Structures are given as C-alpha cells and as structure tokens.
Amino acid sequence: MQHTKDKEGLLHLYNKILPQLAERIHQNLTEVFPLFDDYQLEKVADTWTKDPHSSSDKEISLENGNVQQLGLKLRLSGFQRAGTQTFDLNKDLVCVLEYTSYAVGPDKNTPWLEKAYLAPWTNQELEQIAERWSEDLIEEITMKVQTLGK
C-alpha cells in the first residue's frame, strides 16, 4: 500500500530524514564555515502556502499533515577574506510534498530525488544529495568571490 502525505509521513521526513541530511551537509562544509563570521543550518516548514486542491480551512501545520514544503535552510553571514567585500549567502534544500511522494532538490522546480513517504533513505542517497548540494554551495561562494574580487 502506498502511503500518502499525512502527519506521520511529514514528521518522519522532518524529524528523521532532514536531520540526517543536515548532518552530512555539515560534515561536507566544515572547511567552508570558518570563512564566514556566522552560519546557521536549520529545518524549515512552509506553513504559509495553502494546498490549492484543499477546501479545508484547517491551519497549515506538520500536525495537520497539510504542509506543502519542508527543507533545510543555510545562512552564511559575513564572508571574510582579504581583498574581497564581505557578503552573506542563503541556500535552501527543498522537499516538495506531493500526494504520495516528495521530491528533494535545490528549489521547487529541480527534483534531484523522489521518494515515497516513509521510505527509508540509503546512505548513498543521503550522501549524494548532501554532496551535490554542498558542491553547488561551494560553486556559488566561488563565483561570488570572483565577482566581488574584480
């Protein structure tokens, strides 16, 4: 039986999968964090966007199982390097929540991986997503440094 989007599926993703992804991303970026004054990596849930197919007036929450998007948000503040302007950078890892599955990617239009609710992630899947996302971030930082350094 295929599991549909509900409280159990969302909480599994939010409390089990996202922390594992965050941990791997953190490991991948240990050399990047010291380049900034401050960083913050946190889980986020979009409690603003209403499901266009829902006629329910229920409050949007994980508890009600009607959130449209979950993910991770990284905020890097105060890049410090001689000869470069200071800058901040924000980056999201987005889980777009469909009826029977969710897609993970850098934004809501670029799915890197699709999973069924409650389906376990393999270590390889966790590693691939964390690596790809971390590489994208490092590329963004590099481009920003090159642009500002000119």
N, C-alpha and C. Protein backbone atom coordinates (compact mmCIF):
# COMPACT_ATOMS: atom_id res chain seq x y z
N MET A 1 0.83 -1.19 0.00
CA MET A 1 0.00 0.00 0.00
C MET A 1 0.87 1.25 0.00
N GLN A 2 0.54 2.19 -0.83
CA GLN A 2 1.32 3.41 -0.91
C GLN A 2 0.85 4.40 0.15
N HIS A 3 1.81 4.96 0.86
CA HIS A 3 1.50 5.92 1.91
C HIS A 3 1.27 7.29 1.31
N THR A 4 0.27 8.01 1.79
CA THR A 4 0.02 9.35 1.27
C THR A 4 0.51 10.40 2.27
N LYS A 5 0.54 11.63 1.80
CA LYS A 5 1.01 12.73 2.64
C LYS A 5 0.08 12.90 3.85
N ASP A 6 0.64 12.71 5.03
CA ASP A 6 -0.12 12.91 6.26
C ASP A 6 0.86 13.26 7.38
N LYS A 7 0.35 13.42 8.57
CA LYS A 7 1.17 13.79 9.71
C LYS A 7 2.34 12.83 9.90
N GLU A 8 2.08 11.53 9.83
CA GLU A 8 3.14 10.53 10.05
C GLU A 8 4.26 10.66 9.02
N GLY A 9 3.88 10.80 7.75
CA GLY A 9 4.86 10.93 6.67
C GLY A 9 5.67 12.21 6.79
N LEU A 10 5.01 13.30 7.11
CA LEU A 10 5.70 14.58 7.24
C LEU A 10 6.64 14.59 8.44
N LEU A 11 6.18 14.05 9.56
CA LEU A 11 7.03 14.03 10.75
C LEU A 11 8.24 13.12 10.55
N HIS A 12 8.06 12.02 9.82
CA HIS A 12 9.18 11.13 9.50
C HIS A 12 10.24 11.90 8.71
N LEU A 13 9.80 12.61 7.70
CA LEU A 13 10.72 13.41 6.87
C LEU A 13 11.38 14.51 7.70
N TYR A 14 10.58 15.23 8.47
CA TYR A 14 11.07 16.38 9.23
C TYR A 14 12.00 15.97 10.39
N ASN A 15 11.64 14.91 11.10
CA ASN A 15 12.40 14.54 12.31
C ASN A 15 13.48 13.48 12.08
N LYS A 16 13.36 12.69 11.00
CA LYS A 16 14.32 11.62 10.77
C LYS A 16 15.26 11.90 9.59
N ILE A 17 14.68 12.25 8.43
CA ILE A 17 15.47 12.40 7.21
C ILE A 17 16.23 13.73 7.16
N LEU A 18 15.53 14.84 7.42
CA LEU A 18 16.20 16.15 7.34
C LEU A 18 17.39 16.27 8.29
N PRO A 19 17.29 15.79 9.54
CA PRO A 19 18.47 15.86 10.41
C PRO A 19 19.66 15.05 9.87
N GLN A 20 19.39 13.90 9.24
CA GLN A 20 20.47 13.10 8.66
C GLN A 20 21.12 13.85 7.50
N LEU A 21 20.30 14.49 6.67
CA LEU A 21 20.84 15.29 5.57
C LEU A 21 21.65 16.47 6.11
N ALA A 22 21.11 17.14 7.13
CA ALA A 22 21.78 18.29 7.71
C ALA A 22 23.15 17.89 8.28
N GLU A 23 23.20 16.73 8.92
CA GLU A 23 24.45 16.25 9.50
C GLU A 23 25.51 16.03 8.41
N ARG A 24 25.10 15.42 7.31
CA ARG A 24 26.05 15.17 6.21
C ARG A 24 26.47 16.47 5.54
N ILE A 25 25.53 17.38 5.35
CA ILE A 25 25.86 18.68 4.76
C ILE A 25 26.86 19.40 5.67
N HIS A 26 26.62 19.35 6.95
CA HIS A 26 27.51 19.99 7.92
C HIS A 26 28.92 19.40 7.80
N GLN A 27 29.00 18.08 7.71
CA GLN A 27 30.31 17.42 7.55
C GLN A 27 31.01 17.87 6.27
N ASN A 28 30.24 17.99 5.19
CA ASN A 28 30.81 18.40 3.90
C ASN A 28 31.32 19.83 3.90
N LEU A 29 30.78 20.65 4.78
CA LEU A 29 31.10 22.09 4.75
C LEU A 29 31.96 22.55 5.93
N THR A 30 32.57 21.63 6.65
CA THR A 30 33.36 22.04 7.83
C THR A 30 34.49 22.99 7.45
N GLU A 31 35.01 22.91 6.24
CA GLU A 31 36.08 23.82 5.82
C GLU A 31 35.53 25.15 5.30
N VAL A 32 34.25 25.20 4.99
CA VAL A 32 33.64 26.42 4.47
C VAL A 32 33.20 27.35 5.61
N PHE A 33 32.66 26.77 6.68
CA PHE A 33 32.11 27.58 7.77
C PHE A 33 33.10 28.59 8.36
N PRO A 34 34.39 28.25 8.55
CA PRO A 34 35.31 29.23 9.12
C PRO A 34 35.55 30.46 8.24
N LEU A 35 35.18 30.39 6.96
CA LEU A 35 35.34 31.54 6.06
C LEU A 35 34.31 32.63 6.36
N PHE A 36 33.31 32.30 7.14
CA PHE A 36 32.23 33.23 7.47
C PHE A 36 32.23 33.53 8.97
N ASP A 37 31.70 34.70 9.32
CA ASP A 37 31.59 35.07 10.74
C ASP A 37 30.62 34.16 11.47
N ASP A 38 29.55 33.78 10.76
CA ASP A 38 28.50 33.02 11.41
C ASP A 38 27.77 32.16 10.38
N TYR A 39 27.23 31.05 10.84
CA TYR A 39 26.40 30.22 9.96
C TYR A 39 25.28 29.61 10.78
N GLN A 40 24.21 29.28 10.08
CA GLN A 40 23.05 28.66 10.72
C GLN A 40 22.43 27.70 9.72
N LEU A 41 22.30 26.43 10.11
CA LEU A 41 21.66 25.41 9.28
C LEU A 41 20.46 24.91 10.05
N GLU A 42 19.25 25.09 9.48
CA GLU A 42 18.05 24.73 10.23
C GLU A 42 17.01 24.06 9.34
N LYS A 43 16.13 23.30 10.00
CA LYS A 43 14.99 22.70 9.31
C LYS A 43 13.91 23.77 9.17
N VAL A 44 13.22 23.75 8.05
CA VAL A 44 12.13 24.70 7.85
C VAL A 44 10.89 23.98 7.31
N ALA A 45 9.73 24.51 7.67
CA ALA A 45 8.45 24.02 7.17
C ALA A 45 7.66 25.22 6.68
N ASP A 46 7.16 25.13 5.47
CA ASP A 46 6.36 26.22 4.91
C ASP A 46 4.93 26.11 5.45
N THR A 47 4.62 26.96 6.40
CA THR A 47 3.28 26.94 6.99
C THR A 47 2.41 28.08 6.44
N TRP A 48 2.84 28.63 5.32
CA TRP A 48 2.09 29.73 4.70
C TRP A 48 1.31 29.30 3.47
N THR A 49 1.90 28.40 2.69
CA THR A 49 1.31 28.04 1.41
C THR A 49 0.20 27.01 1.58
N LYS A 50 -0.98 27.38 1.14
CA LYS A 50 -2.15 26.50 1.25
C LYS A 50 -2.19 25.57 0.04
N ASP A 51 -2.60 24.34 0.27
CA ASP A 51 -2.76 23.38 -0.82
C ASP A 51 -3.87 23.87 -1.74
N PRO A 52 -3.55 24.09 -3.02
CA PRO A 52 -4.58 24.61 -3.95
C PRO A 52 -5.73 23.62 -4.15
N HIS A 53 -5.51 22.33 -3.86
CA HIS A 53 -6.55 21.32 -4.06
C HIS A 53 -7.39 21.09 -2.81
N SER A 54 -7.04 21.76 -1.73
CA SER A 54 -7.73 21.52 -0.46
C SER A 54 -8.83 22.55 -0.24
N SER A 55 -9.97 22.07 0.19
CA SER A 55 -11.05 23.00 0.50
C SER A 55 -11.11 23.23 2.01
N SER A 56 -10.21 22.57 2.72
CA SER A 56 -10.20 22.63 4.17
C SER A 56 -9.66 23.97 4.67
N ASP A 57 -10.22 24.43 5.77
CA ASP A 57 -9.74 25.65 6.40
C ASP A 57 -8.83 25.34 7.58
N LYS A 58 -8.41 24.07 7.68
CA LYS A 58 -7.52 23.68 8.77
C LYS A 58 -6.22 24.48 8.70
N GLU A 59 -5.68 24.82 9.86
CA GLU A 59 -4.41 25.51 9.94
C GLU A 59 -3.33 24.66 9.27
N ILE A 60 -2.43 25.32 8.55
CA ILE A 60 -1.36 24.60 7.87
C ILE A 60 -0.27 24.28 8.90
N SER A 61 -0.02 22.97 9.11
CA SER A 61 0.99 22.56 10.08
C SER A 61 1.42 21.12 9.82
N LEU A 62 2.55 20.74 10.40
CA LEU A 62 3.00 19.35 10.32
C LEU A 62 1.98 18.44 10.99
N GLU A 63 1.45 18.90 12.11
CA GLU A 63 0.47 18.11 12.87
C GLU A 63 -0.78 17.80 12.05
N ASN A 64 -1.18 18.74 11.21
CA ASN A 64 -2.36 18.53 10.37
C ASN A 64 -2.02 17.81 9.06
N GLY A 65 -0.72 17.62 8.80
CA GLY A 65 -0.30 16.89 7.61
C GLY A 65 -0.59 17.60 6.31
N ASN A 66 -0.69 18.94 6.35
CA ASN A 66 -1.06 19.66 5.13
C ASN A 66 -0.03 20.72 4.71
N VAL A 67 1.22 20.53 5.11
CA VAL A 67 2.30 21.42 4.69
C VAL A 67 2.67 21.07 3.25
N GLN A 68 3.03 22.06 2.44
CA GLN A 68 3.36 21.83 1.03
C GLN A 68 4.86 21.65 0.80
N GLN A 69 5.67 22.16 1.74
CA GLN A 69 7.11 22.16 1.52
C GLN A 69 7.85 22.08 2.85
N LEU A 70 8.87 21.24 2.89
CA LEU A 70 9.80 21.16 4.02
C LEU A 70 11.19 21.34 3.46
N GLY A 71 12.16 21.49 4.35
CA GLY A 71 13.52 21.56 3.83
C GLY A 71 14.53 22.02 4.86
N LEU A 72 15.70 22.35 4.33
CA LEU A 72 16.79 22.88 5.14
C LEU A 72 17.14 24.25 4.60
N LYS A 73 17.52 25.15 5.50
CA LYS A 73 17.95 26.48 5.10
C LYS A 73 19.30 26.74 5.75
N LEU A 74 20.25 27.15 4.92
CA LEU A 74 21.57 27.51 5.42
C LEU A 74 21.77 29.01 5.23
N ARG A 75 22.17 29.67 6.31
CA ARG A 75 22.51 31.10 6.24
C ARG A 75 23.97 31.24 6.60
N LEU A 76 24.74 31.80 5.68
CA LEU A 76 26.14 32.10 5.93
C LEU A 76 26.26 33.62 5.99
N SER A 77 26.85 34.13 7.07
CA SER A 77 26.92 35.58 7.25
C SER A 77 28.37 36.05 7.37
N GLY A 78 28.66 37.15 6.71
CA GLY A 78 29.95 37.84 6.88
C GLY A 78 31.15 37.09 6.35
N PHE A 79 31.16 36.82 5.04
CA PHE A 79 32.34 36.21 4.43
C PHE A 79 33.54 37.12 4.67
N GLN A 80 34.64 36.56 5.13
CA GLN A 80 35.83 37.34 5.46
C GLN A 80 37.02 36.83 4.67
N ARG A 81 37.54 37.66 3.77
CA ARG A 81 38.80 37.34 3.14
C ARG A 81 39.42 38.61 2.61
N ALA A 82 40.69 38.76 2.83
CA ALA A 82 41.38 39.98 2.41
C ALA A 82 41.16 40.23 0.92
N GLY A 83 40.90 41.48 0.57
CA GLY A 83 40.73 41.84 -0.83
C GLY A 83 39.35 41.56 -1.39
N THR A 84 38.44 41.11 -0.56
CA THR A 84 37.08 40.82 -1.02
C THR A 84 36.07 41.54 -0.14
N GLN A 85 34.99 41.99 -0.77
CA GLN A 85 33.90 42.58 0.01
C GLN A 85 33.25 41.49 0.85
N THR A 86 32.75 41.87 2.02
CA THR A 86 32.02 40.94 2.86
C THR A 86 30.66 40.66 2.21
N PHE A 87 30.21 39.42 2.28
CA PHE A 87 28.89 39.09 1.76
C PHE A 87 28.26 37.99 2.59
N ASP A 88 26.94 37.85 2.45
CA ASP A 88 26.16 36.79 3.09
C ASP A 88 25.59 35.90 1.99
N LEU A 89 25.25 34.69 2.36
CA LEU A 89 24.68 33.76 1.39
C LEU A 89 23.62 32.91 2.07
N ASN A 90 22.50 32.72 1.40
CA ASN A 90 21.44 31.81 1.87
C ASN A 90 21.26 30.72 0.84
N LYS A 91 21.03 29.50 1.30
CA LYS A 91 20.79 28.40 0.37
C LYS A 91 19.78 27.45 0.98
N ASP A 92 18.86 26.97 0.14
CA ASP A 92 17.80 26.07 0.59
C ASP A 92 17.96 24.69 -0.03
N LEU A 93 17.53 23.70 0.70
CA LEU A 93 17.31 22.36 0.16
C LEU A 93 15.82 22.13 0.37
N VAL A 94 15.10 21.93 -0.72
CA VAL A 94 13.64 21.92 -0.67
C VAL A 94 13.07 20.52 -0.89
N CYS A 95 12.10 20.17 -0.06
CA CYS A 95 11.32 18.94 -0.25
C CYS A 95 9.91 19.37 -0.65
N VAL A 96 9.57 19.14 -1.91
CA VAL A 96 8.24 19.48 -2.40
C VAL A 96 7.34 18.27 -2.13
N LEU A 97 6.28 18.50 -1.39
CA LEU A 97 5.44 17.41 -0.90
C LEU A 97 4.22 17.19 -1.79
N GLU A 98 4.22 16.06 -2.47
CA GLU A 98 3.10 15.69 -3.33
C GLU A 98 2.17 14.75 -2.55
N TYR A 99 1.19 14.18 -3.24
CA TYR A 99 0.19 13.34 -2.57
C TYR A 99 0.78 12.03 -2.05
N THR A 100 1.56 11.32 -2.86
CA THR A 100 2.10 10.03 -2.43
C THR A 100 3.63 10.01 -2.34
N SER A 101 4.28 11.10 -2.69
CA SER A 101 5.74 11.14 -2.65
C SER A 101 6.21 12.58 -2.48
N TYR A 102 7.51 12.72 -2.30
CA TYR A 102 8.09 14.06 -2.24
C TYR A 102 9.36 14.09 -3.08
N ALA A 103 9.70 15.27 -3.57
CA ALA A 103 10.89 15.45 -4.38
C ALA A 103 11.84 16.37 -3.64
N VAL A 104 13.12 16.04 -3.66
CA VAL A 104 14.15 16.83 -2.98
C VAL A 104 15.05 17.47 -4.02
N GLY A 105 15.34 18.76 -3.82
CA GLY A 105 16.22 19.46 -4.74
C GLY A 105 16.58 20.84 -4.22
N PRO A 106 17.33 21.62 -5.01
CA PRO A 106 17.77 22.94 -4.58
C PRO A 106 16.65 23.99 -4.62
N ASP A 107 15.58 23.68 -5.34
CA ASP A 107 14.41 24.57 -5.40
C ASP A 107 13.20 23.72 -5.78
N LYS A 108 12.03 24.31 -5.82
CA LYS A 108 10.83 23.50 -6.03
C LYS A 108 10.65 23.02 -7.46
N ASN A 109 11.48 23.51 -8.38
CA ASN A 109 11.35 23.10 -9.78
C ASN A 109 12.45 22.16 -10.26
N THR A 110 13.40 21.82 -9.39
CA THR A 110 14.54 20.99 -9.78
C THR A 110 14.63 19.77 -8.87
N PRO A 111 13.90 18.69 -9.20
CA PRO A 111 13.97 17.49 -8.35
C PRO A 111 15.23 16.68 -8.61
N TRP A 112 15.98 16.40 -7.56
CA TRP A 112 17.17 15.55 -7.67
C TRP A 112 16.83 14.10 -7.32
N LEU A 113 15.84 13.94 -6.45
CA LEU A 113 15.48 12.61 -5.97
C LEU A 113 14.02 12.62 -5.56
N GLU A 114 13.30 11.56 -5.90
CA GLU A 114 11.91 11.45 -5.47
C GLU A 114 11.78 10.22 -4.59
N LYS A 115 11.08 10.38 -3.48
CA LYS A 115 10.91 9.28 -2.52
C LYS A 115 9.45 9.17 -2.11
N ALA A 116 9.03 7.96 -1.80
CA ALA A 116 7.70 7.74 -1.24
C ALA A 116 7.77 8.08 0.25
N TYR A 117 6.65 8.54 0.81
CA TYR A 117 6.62 8.83 2.25
C TYR A 117 6.96 7.57 3.02
N LEU A 118 7.69 7.74 4.10
CA LEU A 118 8.12 6.66 5.00
C LEU A 118 9.14 5.71 4.37
N ALA A 119 9.49 5.89 3.11
CA ALA A 119 10.52 5.04 2.50
C ALA A 119 11.87 5.44 3.11
N PRO A 120 12.64 4.45 3.55
CA PRO A 120 13.94 4.78 4.13
C PRO A 120 14.90 5.28 3.05
N TRP A 121 15.83 6.12 3.45
CA TRP A 121 16.88 6.60 2.56
C TRP A 121 18.10 5.71 2.75
N THR A 122 18.78 5.40 1.67
CA THR A 122 20.04 4.67 1.79
C THR A 122 21.14 5.68 2.14
N ASN A 123 22.23 5.18 2.69
CA ASN A 123 23.37 6.06 2.97
C ASN A 123 23.86 6.73 1.69
N GLN A 124 23.81 5.98 0.60
CA GLN A 124 24.27 6.53 -0.68
C GLN A 124 23.38 7.70 -1.12
N GLU A 125 22.06 7.56 -0.96
CA GLU A 125 21.14 8.65 -1.34
C GLU A 125 21.41 9.89 -0.48
N LEU A 126 21.54 9.68 0.83
CA LEU A 126 21.82 10.81 1.73
C LEU A 126 23.12 11.49 1.32
N GLU A 127 24.14 10.68 1.05
CA GLU A 127 25.45 11.22 0.68
C GLU A 127 25.40 11.97 -0.64
N GLN A 128 24.70 11.40 -1.64
CA GLN A 128 24.62 12.03 -2.96
C GLN A 128 23.94 13.40 -2.89
N ILE A 129 22.82 13.47 -2.19
CA ILE A 129 22.09 14.73 -2.09
C ILE A 129 22.92 15.76 -1.32
N ALA A 130 23.50 15.35 -0.20
CA ALA A 130 24.31 16.27 0.61
C ALA A 130 25.52 16.76 -0.18
N GLU A 131 26.16 15.86 -0.92
CA GLU A 131 27.34 16.23 -1.70
C GLU A 131 26.98 17.19 -2.83
N ARG A 132 25.94 16.86 -3.55
CA ARG A 132 25.53 17.70 -4.69
C ARG A 132 25.17 19.10 -4.20
N TRP A 133 24.44 19.17 -3.11
CA TRP A 133 24.01 20.45 -2.56
C TRP A 133 25.22 21.24 -2.06
N SER A 134 26.13 20.56 -1.39
CA SER A 134 27.34 21.22 -0.86
C SER A 134 28.22 21.73 -2.00
N GLU A 135 28.35 20.93 -3.05
CA GLU A 135 29.14 21.37 -4.22
C GLU A 135 28.52 22.59 -4.86
N ASP A 136 27.20 22.61 -4.98
CA ASP A 136 26.50 23.79 -5.52
C ASP A 136 26.81 25.03 -4.68
N LEU A 137 26.77 24.86 -3.36
CA LEU A 137 27.04 25.98 -2.45
C LEU A 137 28.46 26.49 -2.64
N ILE A 138 29.42 25.59 -2.68
CA ILE A 138 30.82 25.99 -2.84
C ILE A 138 31.02 26.72 -4.17
N GLU A 139 30.33 26.24 -5.21
CA GLU A 139 30.38 26.91 -6.51
C GLU A 139 29.82 28.33 -6.42
N GLU A 140 28.71 28.48 -5.71
CA GLU A 140 28.11 29.81 -5.53
C GLU A 140 29.06 30.75 -4.80
N ILE A 141 29.70 30.24 -3.75
CA ILE A 141 30.65 31.06 -2.98
C ILE A 141 31.82 31.47 -3.88
N THR A 142 32.35 30.51 -4.64
CA THR A 142 33.48 30.77 -5.53
C THR A 142 33.12 31.86 -6.55
N MET A 143 31.93 31.73 -7.18
CA MET A 143 31.50 32.71 -8.16
C MET A 143 31.35 34.09 -7.52
N LYS A 144 30.80 34.13 -6.32
CA LYS A 144 30.61 35.40 -5.62
C LYS A 144 31.96 36.05 -5.30
N VAL A 145 32.92 35.26 -4.84
CA VAL A 145 34.26 35.76 -4.53
C VAL A 145 34.93 36.31 -5.79
N GLN A 146 34.80 35.57 -6.90
CA GLN A 146 35.40 36.02 -8.16
C GLN A 146 34.76 37.32 -8.63
N THR A 147 33.44 37.42 -8.52
CA THR A 147 32.72 38.63 -8.95
C THR A 147 33.11 39.83 -8.09
N LEU A 148 33.13 39.63 -6.78
CA LEU A 148 33.42 40.74 -5.86
C LEU A 148 34.90 41.10 -5.84
N GLY A 149 35.75 40.14 -6.19
CA GLY A 149 37.19 40.38 -6.15
C GLY A 149 37.70 41.19 -7.32
N LYS A 150 36.84 41.39 -8.34
CA LYS A 150 37.27 42.11 -9.55
C LYS A 150 37.23 43.60 -9.35
